[in-house]
Amino acid sequence: MNPASSDVTVPPARPVPASGRALPNGLAAFLVFFSSGAVLVLETAALRLVGPYVGVTLQVTSSVIGIALAAIAYGAWAGGWLADRRDPRTLLAPALVLAGIATAVTLPAVRYAGEVLRGGAASAILLLVALAVFVPAMLLSAVTPMVVKLQLADLRRTGQVVGRLSSIGTLGAVTATLVTGFVLVAALPSTVILLGLAVSLGVTGLALGVWLRRTAGSQLTGPARVSASLAVLGLLGAGLTTVAPDPCDIETAYHCARIEADPGRDGGRTLLLNSAEHSYVDLTDPTHLEYAYTKWIGAVADVAAPAGQRLDALHLGGGGFTVPRYLTATRPGTDNVVFEIDGGLVELGEEKLGVRQGPDLRAVVGDARMLVADEPSDSRDLVVGDAFGHLVVPWHLATREMAAEVRRVVRPGGVYVQNVIDYPPMRFIRSEVATVAAEFRHVALIAPPAALAGEQGSNFLIVASDAPLPLDAVRGRLDQVDPGVALLSDQALAGFVADALVLTDDYAPTDQLLATA
């Protein structure tokens, strides 16, 4: 049959009955923008919340993103399912208040659980991140489909309504990500950020409940009372935060930092970043080196030039400024330039670790990869690589391109030492030695024999130069400060490295190489 001559007619699109009246467009847009943005505030803050217990690694970051996306997916599905079965106006206010409660309870929940789950195991990471993100993010993600349901009144406008609110939600997420990353984290502790978000969600939910009750009459009396009751419970839950263990003395833009006094040494101070020991300094004796790897660095520095001769030294990573203080004490007149990405650590060092900037020490805040590119060629006698994100060398500081920049800066005859942490089966340290050896003519490795045998995790110190290394002098100095440590070079080092991957800017799977599985 010819369709053009058919008697069948298509009825015009009819309005789809909605559950009550639609929300004002401005209110609908605000709810979608606010709830979507709150999810991203949670996601960004979660990295700082779990970092003190499981570190800030690629696996942790991936877990936060993955669990947040799962919460968004389940929340959107659940919100849409509920909106088709109940009047969304009875659900919106309780959802926001419940999300506020879940956000407030997140703080004590993660801090108590973190003490139990501390470490880098995958199961611990996933569970702790789920405690930090999943429930509040799921509740918040249910808001958008509820609002969409209320705004749909005509099939002919479905695409327009859904598209507009989806766009507004995305803009809320983008805005929250930028504001949190550039402003909130730099200005406020994560406790304040999360409690502020919890209060904002609770207040918004209560205000929305009151407004809906007034505009809809007695139909919403029950939900409004429920919201008020939930708000009281939220306040009680948030109160747990005041007694929950806090792993930080101070939160910088990058770390949860704490300084502990050494009961066995009057001037001893340990700097902990995200609950991991990073530096030890003696406020009364800058020549005291507590950790083995700092003794190894000191041993190399002691024989890098005649005793007492000043050096031009560049430090990639500051931490507690242990090595710069040692060089200043043992080689007066040494020029120490320290590249430290975390300005908060510089301030903490000045306040509590005896760091004094002046002619012999200058701290430059910024990323070492960016800053080293601006250093003059052949300008440094000694470059010390000691930068870490938790227990991992940042990948962009571990590539051949970075090693080439360091080689450019080191003077002929100068030395580059790089501190690396690895665990069995020692894939990362092998690759990092291969990477440094691809640029420097002479390379050696200092490490405990048990670590070289793959029996335990440890610090490793790579020593590199374009001139022959004073290995006999280094060995002699090591025998004085750490007699049992091994020094590999030449064929022994080549056998240890074998056919390890050379890391490049294009391919540097450092986190995967560090995985112990």
Protein backbone atom coordinates (compact mmCIF):
# COMPACT_ATOMS: atom_id res chain seq x y z
CA MET A 1 0.00 0.00 0.00
CA ASN A 2 1.30 3.45 -0.87
CA PRO A 3 2.05 5.26 2.41
CA ALA A 4 1.19 8.63 0.85
CA SER A 5 -2.39 7.54 0.23
CA SER A 6 -2.87 5.75 3.59
CA ASP A 7 -5.83 6.68 5.76
CA VAL A 8 -3.74 5.99 8.87
CA THR A 9 -2.84 9.18 10.74
CA VAL A 10 -0.23 9.67 13.47
CA PRO A 11 -1.67 11.32 16.55
CA PRO A 12 0.13 14.43 17.80
CA ALA A 13 2.47 14.11 20.75
CA ARG A 14 0.60 14.39 23.98
CA PRO A 15 1.82 15.71 27.30
CA VAL A 16 3.29 13.13 29.60
CA PRO A 17 1.75 13.42 33.06
CA ALA A 18 4.36 14.43 35.60
CA SER A 19 4.27 13.95 39.34
CA GLY A 20 2.93 17.33 40.31
CA ARG A 21 4.11 20.60 38.95
CA ALA A 22 7.56 21.09 37.49
CA LEU A 23 10.18 22.93 39.49
CA PRO A 24 11.05 26.49 38.47
CA ASN A 25 13.77 26.28 35.82
CA GLY A 26 16.26 28.17 37.97
CA LEU A 27 15.74 25.87 40.95
CA ALA A 28 16.00 22.77 38.77
CA ALA A 29 19.24 24.04 37.25
CA PHE A 30 20.66 24.86 40.68
CA LEU A 31 19.89 21.42 42.10
CA VAL A 32 21.52 19.64 39.17
CA PHE A 33 24.55 21.98 39.14
CA PHE A 34 25.01 21.76 42.92
CA SER A 35 24.58 17.99 43.30
CA SER A 36 26.85 17.21 40.33
CA GLY A 37 29.50 19.60 41.60
CA ALA A 38 29.33 18.11 45.08
CA VAL A 39 30.23 14.68 43.66
CA LEU A 40 33.45 16.09 42.19
CA VAL A 41 34.32 17.91 45.41
CA LEU A 42 34.00 14.54 47.15
CA GLU A 43 36.13 12.82 44.53
CA THR A 44 38.93 15.39 44.75
CA ALA A 45 38.88 15.54 48.56
CA ALA A 46 38.84 11.74 48.80
CA LEU A 47 42.40 11.57 47.45
CA ARG A 48 43.58 13.68 50.36
CA LEU A 49 41.43 11.83 52.86
CA VAL A 50 42.77 8.35 52.03
CA GLY A 51 46.33 9.44 51.16
CA PRO A 52 47.69 9.26 54.72
CA TYR A 53 46.75 5.58 54.90
CA VAL A 54 47.27 4.10 51.42
CA GLY A 55 49.39 6.75 49.69
CA VAL A 56 48.73 8.80 46.58
CA THR A 57 49.65 6.45 43.75
CA LEU A 58 48.25 5.70 40.32
CA GLN A 59 46.29 2.81 41.84
CA VAL A 60 44.74 5.06 44.49
CA THR A 61 43.85 7.72 41.93
CA SER A 62 42.36 5.10 39.61
CA SER A 63 40.34 3.67 42.51
CA VAL A 64 38.89 7.06 43.42
CA ILE A 65 37.88 7.77 39.83
CA GLY A 66 36.50 4.28 39.25
CA ILE A 67 34.46 4.11 42.45
CA ALA A 68 33.13 7.64 41.93
CA LEU A 69 31.99 6.69 38.42
CA ALA A 70 30.37 3.53 39.77
CA ALA A 71 28.54 5.58 42.39
CA ILE A 72 27.35 8.01 39.71
CA ALA A 73 26.08 5.13 37.56
CA TYR A 74 24.23 3.39 40.38
CA GLY A 75 22.88 6.68 41.72
CA ALA A 76 21.53 7.74 38.34
CA TRP A 77 19.88 4.36 37.83
CA ALA A 78 18.36 4.29 41.34
CA GLY A 79 17.19 7.90 41.11
CA GLY A 80 15.44 7.25 37.82
CA TRP A 81 13.85 4.04 39.11
CA LEU A 82 12.50 5.78 42.22
CA ALA A 83 11.30 8.81 40.25
CA ASP A 84 9.09 6.52 38.16
CA ARG A 85 7.49 5.04 41.27
CA ARG A 86 7.12 7.97 43.65
CA ASP A 87 6.62 11.68 43.41
CA PRO A 88 10.20 13.02 43.06
CA ARG A 89 9.23 16.04 45.16
CA THR A 90 9.06 13.71 48.18
CA LEU A 91 12.55 12.36 47.47
CA LEU A 92 14.72 15.36 46.60
CA ALA A 93 15.07 16.93 50.05
CA PRO A 94 15.77 13.63 51.87
CA ALA A 95 18.34 12.68 49.20
CA LEU A 96 20.27 15.91 49.77
CA VAL A 97 20.10 15.67 53.55
CA LEU A 98 21.17 12.02 53.48
CA ALA A 99 24.07 12.94 51.20
CA GLY A 100 25.10 15.59 53.72
CA ILE A 101 24.97 13.04 56.54
CA ALA A 102 26.99 10.52 54.52
CA THR A 103 29.58 13.20 53.71
CA ALA A 104 29.93 14.17 57.38
CA VAL A 105 30.21 10.54 58.50
CA THR A 106 32.85 9.91 55.82
CA LEU A 107 35.49 11.71 57.89
CA PRO A 108 35.38 9.56 61.05
CA ALA A 109 34.64 6.41 59.03
CA VAL A 110 37.78 6.79 56.88
CA ARG A 111 39.98 7.82 59.80
CA TYR A 112 38.99 4.89 61.98
CA ALA A 113 39.07 2.41 59.09
CA GLY A 114 42.32 3.86 57.78
CA GLU A 115 44.15 2.89 60.96
CA VAL A 116 43.10 -0.71 60.30
CA LEU A 117 43.54 -0.75 56.51
CA ARG A 118 46.82 1.17 56.44
CA GLY A 119 49.07 0.03 53.59
CA GLY A 120 49.06 -0.32 49.84
CA ALA A 121 47.14 -3.57 49.35
CA ALA A 122 44.59 -3.34 46.53
CA SER A 123 41.74 -4.55 48.74
CA ALA A 124 42.56 -1.94 51.39
CA ILE A 125 42.68 0.82 48.78
CA LEU A 126 39.34 -0.12 47.24
CA LEU A 127 37.57 -0.50 50.58
CA LEU A 128 38.88 2.77 52.02
CA VAL A 129 38.04 4.70 48.84
CA ALA A 130 34.56 3.18 48.82
CA LEU A 131 34.03 4.39 52.39
CA ALA A 132 35.13 7.86 51.36
CA VAL A 133 33.12 8.26 48.16
CA PHE A 134 30.47 5.73 47.28
CA VAL A 135 27.43 6.42 49.45
CA PRO A 136 27.34 10.24 49.30
CA ALA A 137 28.21 10.24 45.57
CA MET A 138 25.45 7.73 44.85
CA LEU A 139 22.85 9.77 46.75
CA LEU A 140 23.88 12.97 44.99
CA SER A 141 23.80 11.31 41.58
CA ALA A 142 20.16 10.34 42.16
CA VAL A 143 19.14 14.01 42.21
CA THR A 144 19.49 14.70 38.48
CA PRO A 145 17.09 11.99 37.20
CA MET A 146 14.55 13.08 39.82
CA VAL A 147 14.75 16.67 38.64
CA VAL A 148 14.55 15.56 35.00
CA LYS A 149 11.38 13.58 35.78
CA LEU A 150 9.75 16.65 37.30
CA GLN A 151 10.69 18.86 34.36
CA LEU A 152 9.36 16.53 31.63
CA ALA A 153 5.87 17.61 30.63
CA ASP A 154 5.87 17.16 26.87
CA LEU A 155 7.49 14.50 24.69
CA ARG A 156 8.32 17.18 22.14
CA ARG A 157 10.68 18.85 24.69
CA THR A 158 12.30 15.72 26.11
CA GLY A 159 15.57 16.16 24.24
CA GLN A 160 15.76 19.84 25.15
CA VAL A 161 15.09 19.25 28.86
CA VAL A 162 17.43 16.29 29.21
CA GLY A 163 20.17 17.95 27.16
CA ARG A 164 19.99 21.23 29.10
CA LEU A 165 20.06 19.60 32.53
CA SER A 166 22.82 17.19 31.47
CA SER A 167 24.88 20.14 30.30
CA ILE A 168 24.26 22.01 33.54
CA GLY A 169 25.33 18.95 35.55
CA THR A 170 28.54 18.65 33.57
CA LEU A 171 29.28 22.36 34.08
CA GLY A 172 28.74 21.88 37.81
CA ALA A 173 31.21 19.01 37.86
CA VAL A 174 33.81 20.97 35.88
CA THR A 175 33.41 24.04 38.07
CA ALA A 176 33.72 22.04 41.28
CA THR A 177 36.83 20.23 40.03
CA LEU A 178 38.62 23.46 39.17
CA VAL A 179 37.55 25.32 42.31
CA THR A 180 38.49 22.43 44.58
CA GLY A 181 41.85 21.80 42.90
CA PHE A 182 42.93 25.42 42.52
CA VAL A 183 41.30 27.09 45.53
CA LEU A 184 39.79 24.91 48.24
CA VAL A 185 42.61 22.38 48.68
CA ALA A 186 45.18 25.17 48.82
CA ALA A 187 43.19 27.23 51.31
CA LEU A 188 41.41 24.75 53.59
CA PRO A 189 42.06 21.41 55.34
CA SER A 190 40.12 18.48 53.94
CA THR A 191 38.16 18.30 57.21
CA VAL A 192 36.83 21.81 56.65
CA ILE A 193 36.09 21.11 52.97
CA LEU A 194 34.06 17.98 53.71
CA LEU A 195 32.24 19.35 56.74
CA GLY A 196 31.46 22.52 54.80
CA LEU A 197 30.07 20.42 51.97
CA ALA A 198 28.05 18.33 54.41
CA VAL A 199 26.51 21.42 56.00
CA SER A 200 25.77 22.93 52.57
CA LEU A 201 23.99 19.76 51.46
CA GLY A 202 22.02 19.53 54.69
CA VAL A 203 20.94 23.17 54.64
CA THR A 204 20.00 22.95 50.95
CA GLY A 205 17.96 19.82 51.60
CA LEU A 206 16.12 21.34 54.55
CA ALA A 207 15.42 24.59 52.68
CA LEU A 208 14.17 22.66 49.67
CA GLY A 209 11.92 20.56 51.89
CA VAL A 210 10.39 23.66 53.48
CA TRP A 211 9.84 25.31 50.08
CA LEU A 212 8.26 22.21 48.57
CA ARG A 213 5.98 21.83 51.57
CA ARG A 214 4.77 25.40 51.26
CA THR A 215 4.12 25.12 47.54
CA ALA A 216 2.53 21.67 47.70
CA GLY A 217 0.50 21.95 50.89
CA SER A 218 0.16 19.12 53.38
CA GLN A 219 1.27 16.43 50.91
CA LEU A 220 4.92 16.79 51.89
CA THR A 221 4.60 17.20 55.66
CA GLY A 222 6.03 13.74 56.27
CA PRO A 223 9.12 14.14 54.07
CA ALA A 224 9.87 17.53 55.61
CA ARG A 225 9.84 16.00 59.07
CA VAL A 226 12.00 13.15 57.86
CA SER A 227 14.54 15.65 56.48
CA ALA A 228 14.66 17.46 59.82
CA SER A 229 15.21 14.20 61.67
CA LEU A 230 17.97 13.20 59.27
CA ALA A 231 19.67 16.56 59.76
CA VAL A 232 19.84 15.93 63.52
CA LEU A 233 21.38 12.51 62.88
CA GLY A 234 23.88 14.15 60.54
CA LEU A 235 25.02 16.54 63.24
CA LEU A 236 25.54 13.62 65.61
CA GLY A 237 27.52 11.76 62.96
CA ALA A 238 29.67 14.78 62.21
CA GLY A 239 30.42 15.07 65.91
CA LEU A 240 32.37 11.82 65.65
CA THR A 241 34.95 13.74 63.65
CA THR A 242 36.05 15.58 66.77
CA VAL A 243 37.16 12.33 68.41
CA ALA A 244 38.35 10.47 65.30
CA PRO A 245 42.16 10.08 65.02
CA ASP A 246 43.74 12.77 62.84
CA PRO A 247 46.99 11.70 61.13
CA CYS A 248 48.03 15.28 60.26
CA ASP A 249 49.65 18.11 62.15
CA ILE A 250 49.21 20.23 59.05
CA GLU A 251 47.80 19.72 55.57
CA THR A 252 49.81 21.22 52.75
CA ALA A 253 48.66 21.42 49.15
CA TYR A 254 50.19 17.96 48.55
CA HIS A 255 50.63 16.17 51.85
CA CYS A 256 49.29 15.31 55.26
CA ALA A 257 52.36 16.25 57.28
CA ARG A 258 53.38 15.48 60.84
CA ILE A 259 56.58 15.99 62.82
CA GLU A 260 57.50 13.63 65.65
CA ALA A 261 60.21 14.17 68.24
CA ASP A 262 62.73 11.37 68.72
CA PRO A 263 62.59 10.30 72.38
CA GLY A 264 66.10 8.85 72.07
CA ARG A 265 67.75 11.99 70.71
CA ASP A 266 67.09 15.48 72.06
CA GLY A 267 67.27 17.29 68.74
CA GLY A 268 65.89 14.49 66.59
CA ARG A 269 62.81 15.18 64.50
CA THR A 270 61.08 12.87 62.00
CA LEU A 271 59.01 14.30 59.17
CA LEU A 272 56.11 12.06 58.14
CA LEU A 273 54.23 12.69 54.92
CA ASN A 274 50.99 10.77 54.48
CA SER A 275 52.07 8.72 57.51
CA ALA A 276 55.29 7.54 55.81
CA GLU A 277 58.70 8.53 57.19
CA HIS A 278 60.37 10.90 54.75
CA SER A 279 63.09 12.80 56.59
CA TYR A 280 65.02 12.85 59.84
CA VAL A 281 66.92 15.87 61.06
CA ASP A 282 68.86 16.66 64.21
CA LEU A 283 68.22 20.28 65.10
CA THR A 284 71.45 20.48 67.10
CA ASP A 285 73.75 18.47 64.81
CA PRO A 286 73.27 18.89 61.03
CA THR A 287 76.02 16.34 60.36
CA HIS A 288 73.95 13.55 61.92
CA LEU A 289 72.42 11.34 59.21
CA GLU A 290 69.90 8.88 60.62
CA TYR A 291 68.62 6.99 57.59
CA ALA A 292 70.87 4.66 55.63
CA TYR A 293 70.20 6.30 52.26
CA THR A 294 71.18 9.73 53.61
CA LYS A 295 74.42 8.20 54.90
CA TRP A 296 75.06 6.89 51.37
CA ILE A 297 74.41 10.32 49.86
CA GLY A 298 76.71 11.86 52.46
CA ALA A 299 79.41 9.30 51.66
CA VAL A 300 79.30 10.15 47.94
CA ALA A 301 79.28 13.88 48.68
CA ASP A 302 82.24 13.48 51.05
CA VAL A 303 84.46 12.10 48.27
CA ALA A 304 83.02 14.09 45.34
CA ALA A 305 85.61 16.82 45.95
CA PRO A 306 88.48 17.43 48.38
CA ALA A 307 87.32 17.59 52.00
CA GLY A 308 85.89 20.97 52.97
CA GLN A 309 85.72 22.30 49.40
CA ARG A 310 82.49 24.13 48.62
CA LEU A 311 80.09 22.67 46.09
CA ASP A 312 77.37 24.00 43.86
CA ALA A 313 74.57 21.57 44.71
CA LEU A 314 71.08 21.17 43.28
CA HIS A 315 68.47 19.17 45.21
CA LEU A 316 65.40 17.77 43.45
CA GLY A 317 63.01 17.51 46.39
CA GLY A 318 63.44 19.15 49.77
CA GLY A 319 61.55 17.15 52.38
CA GLY A 320 63.22 17.91 55.70
CA PHE A 321 66.26 19.55 53.99
CA THR A 322 68.57 17.00 55.65
CA VAL A 323 71.21 16.79 52.91
CA PRO A 324 71.45 20.57 52.24
CA ARG A 325 72.06 21.13 55.96
CA TYR A 326 74.70 18.39 55.96
CA LEU A 327 76.54 19.90 52.99
CA THR A 328 76.50 23.35 54.55
CA ALA A 329 77.95 21.97 57.78
CA THR A 330 80.66 19.82 56.16
CA ARG A 331 81.50 22.12 53.26
CA PRO A 332 81.03 25.75 54.32
CA GLY A 333 80.17 28.07 51.46
CA THR A 334 78.29 25.39 49.52
CA ASP A 335 75.49 26.81 47.39
CA ASN A 336 72.38 24.67 47.89
CA VAL A 337 69.40 25.23 45.59
CA VAL A 338 66.38 23.09 46.47
CA PHE A 339 63.47 22.48 44.10
CA GLU A 340 60.45 21.57 46.22
CA ILE A 341 56.98 21.32 44.71
CA ASP A 342 55.22 21.75 48.06
CA GLY A 343 55.54 25.27 49.41
CA GLY A 344 53.87 24.12 52.63
CA LEU A 345 56.84 21.83 53.35
CA VAL A 346 59.24 24.73 52.93
CA GLU A 347 57.24 26.74 55.47
CA LEU A 348 57.03 23.75 57.81
CA GLY A 349 60.80 23.25 57.56
CA GLU A 350 61.40 26.88 58.44
CA GLU A 351 59.01 26.75 61.39
CA LYS A 352 59.94 23.40 62.95
CA LEU A 353 63.02 21.87 61.33
CA GLY A 354 65.56 24.66 61.59
CA VAL A 355 65.64 25.50 57.87
CA ARG A 356 67.14 28.93 57.30
CA GLN A 357 67.28 30.37 53.82
CA GLY A 358 70.21 32.58 52.96
CA PRO A 359 73.43 32.65 50.90
CA ASP A 360 73.99 28.91 51.36
CA LEU A 361 70.39 27.70 50.90
CA ARG A 362 67.64 28.81 48.53
CA ALA A 363 64.35 26.94 48.16
CA VAL A 364 62.44 27.33 44.90
CA VAL A 365 58.82 26.17 44.96
CA GLY A 366 57.79 24.33 41.81
CA ASP A 367 57.99 21.09 39.85
CA ALA A 368 61.59 19.90 39.52
CA ARG A 369 61.08 18.79 35.90
CA MET A 370 60.02 22.29 34.90
CA LEU A 371 62.61 24.09 36.99
CA VAL A 372 65.64 22.02 36.00
CA ALA A 373 65.04 22.97 32.37
CA ASP A 374 65.84 26.58 33.31
CA GLU A 375 69.14 25.72 35.01
CA PRO A 376 72.33 26.72 33.15
CA SER A 377 74.36 23.93 31.57
CA ASP A 378 77.45 22.71 33.45
CA SER A 379 76.41 24.66 36.55
CA ARG A 380 76.35 22.06 39.36
CA ASP A 381 78.94 19.84 41.00
CA LEU A 382 76.32 17.66 42.67
CA VAL A 383 72.68 16.95 41.86
CA VAL A 384 70.64 15.03 44.43
CA GLY A 385 67.41 13.41 43.25
CA ASP A 386 65.22 12.76 46.28
CA ALA A 387 61.67 13.58 45.15
CA PHE A 388 58.80 11.28 46.01
CA GLY A 389 55.03 11.13 45.77
CA HIS A 390 54.37 8.99 48.83
CA LEU A 391 56.92 6.16 48.27
CA VAL A 392 57.15 6.50 44.49
CA VAL A 393 59.48 8.63 42.39
CA PRO A 394 57.15 10.76 40.22
CA TRP A 395 57.22 9.16 36.78
CA HIS A 396 58.21 12.34 34.93
CA LEU A 397 61.34 12.58 37.10
CA ALA A 398 62.32 8.98 36.30
CA THR A 399 62.61 9.10 32.50
CA ARG A 400 65.56 9.28 30.15
CA GLU A 401 64.57 12.80 29.14
CA MET A 402 64.83 13.90 32.78
CA ALA A 403 68.19 12.17 33.15
CA ALA A 404 69.38 14.03 30.04
CA GLU A 405 68.39 17.35 31.63
CA VAL A 406 70.29 16.45 34.79
CA ARG A 407 73.34 15.43 32.75
CA ARG A 408 73.22 18.79 30.98
CA VAL A 409 73.26 20.61 34.32
CA VAL A 410 76.03 18.53 35.93
CA ARG A 411 79.55 19.82 35.31
CA PRO A 412 82.18 17.56 33.77
CA GLY A 413 83.36 15.47 36.68
CA GLY A 414 80.23 16.25 38.68
CA VAL A 415 78.01 13.60 40.22
CA TYR A 416 74.29 12.79 40.14
CA VAL A 417 72.82 10.69 42.97
CA GLN A 418 69.22 9.50 42.90
CA ASN A 419 67.31 7.90 45.75
CA VAL A 420 64.86 5.18 44.67
CA ILE A 421 62.58 2.87 46.67
CA ASP A 422 61.62 -0.53 45.29
CA TYR A 423 60.37 -3.93 46.40
CA PRO A 424 60.77 -7.48 45.09
CA PRO A 425 60.90 -8.38 42.22
CA MET A 426 62.89 -5.10 41.82
CA ARG A 427 61.63 -4.19 38.36
CA PHE A 428 61.59 -0.43 38.88
CA ILE A 429 65.13 -0.03 40.22
CA ARG A 430 66.50 -2.14 37.38
CA SER A 431 64.70 0.06 34.86
CA GLU A 432 65.78 3.25 36.58
CA VAL A 433 69.43 2.21 36.58
CA ALA A 434 69.11 1.33 32.89
CA THR A 435 67.49 4.72 32.26
CA VAL A 436 70.23 6.70 34.01
CA ALA A 437 72.92 4.58 32.34
CA ALA A 438 71.45 5.46 28.95
CA GLU A 439 72.61 9.05 29.56
CA PHE A 440 75.60 8.88 31.91
CA ARG A 441 78.82 7.05 31.00
CA HIS A 442 79.57 5.74 34.50
CA VAL A 443 76.94 4.40 36.90
CA ALA A 444 77.07 2.58 40.23
CA LEU A 445 74.42 1.38 42.67
CA ILE A 446 74.44 1.35 46.48
CA ALA A 447 71.98 -0.93 48.30
CA PRO A 448 71.74 -3.58 51.03
CA PRO A 449 72.79 -7.05 49.77
CA ALA A 450 69.41 -8.54 50.77
CA ALA A 451 67.61 -5.99 48.60
CA LEU A 452 69.85 -6.71 45.62
CA ALA A 453 69.06 -10.39 46.10
CA GLY A 454 65.34 -9.60 45.91
CA GLU A 455 64.67 -10.60 49.52
CA GLN A 456 63.35 -7.27 50.83
CA GLY A 457 62.27 -3.80 49.84
CA SER A 458 64.72 -0.97 50.39
CA ASN A 459 66.11 2.37 49.36
CA PHE A 460 68.62 2.25 46.50
CA LEU A 461 71.05 4.99 45.57
CA ILE A 462 72.06 5.40 41.93
CA VAL A 463 75.38 7.22 41.47
CA ALA A 464 76.19 8.55 38.01
CA SER A 465 78.76 10.74 36.29
CA ASP A 466 80.33 11.28 32.89
CA ALA A 467 83.73 11.00 34.54
CA PRO A 468 85.00 7.79 36.17
CA LEU A 469 83.50 7.46 39.64
CA PRO A 470 85.85 7.37 42.68
CA LEU A 471 84.55 3.93 43.62
CA ASP A 472 87.43 3.02 45.94
CA ALA A 473 86.96 6.23 47.89
CA VAL A 474 83.20 5.73 48.01
CA ARG A 475 83.67 2.15 49.22
CA GLY A 476 86.04 3.31 51.92
CA ARG A 477 83.63 5.98 53.13
CA LEU A 478 80.69 3.54 53.06
CA ASP A 479 82.67 1.13 55.22
CA GLN A 480 82.81 3.88 57.83
CA VAL A 481 79.14 4.90 57.81
CA ASP A 482 77.34 1.68 56.76
CA PRO A 483 79.78 -1.25 56.58
CA GLY A 484 77.35 -3.90 55.34
CA VAL A 485 76.05 -2.08 52.28
CA ALA A 486 76.91 -3.23 48.76
CA LEU A 487 78.36 -1.15 45.93
CA LEU A 488 77.70 -2.50 42.42
CA SER A 489 79.37 -1.29 39.25
CA ASP A 490 80.56 -2.48 35.85
CA GLN A 491 79.75 -6.13 35.07
CA ALA A 492 78.06 -6.81 38.42
CA LEU A 493 75.69 -3.91 37.84
CA ALA A 494 75.08 -4.94 34.24
CA GLY A 495 74.10 -8.40 35.47
CA PHE A 496 71.67 -6.90 37.97
CA VAL A 497 70.05 -4.63 35.37
CA ALA A 498 69.94 -7.29 32.62
CA ASP A 499 67.50 -6.27 29.85
CA ALA A 500 65.41 -3.86 31.96
CA LEU A 501 63.20 -1.32 30.22
CA VAL A 502 64.58 2.18 29.67
CA LEU A 503 61.86 4.61 30.79
CA THR A 504 60.92 7.51 28.52
CA ASP A 505 58.39 10.32 28.55
CA ASP A 506 56.39 8.28 26.05
CA TYR A 507 56.39 5.11 28.16
CA ALA A 508 57.15 5.08 31.87
CA PRO A 509 54.88 2.58 33.71
CA THR A 510 56.53 3.26 37.06
CA ASP A 511 53.54 2.31 39.22
CA GLN A 512 53.13 -0.97 37.39
CA LEU A 513 56.83 -1.77 37.71
CA LEU A 514 56.55 -1.15 41.45
CA ALA A 515 53.61 -3.53 41.84
CA THR A 516 54.69 -6.52 43.91
CA ALA A 517 52.28 -9.04 42.35
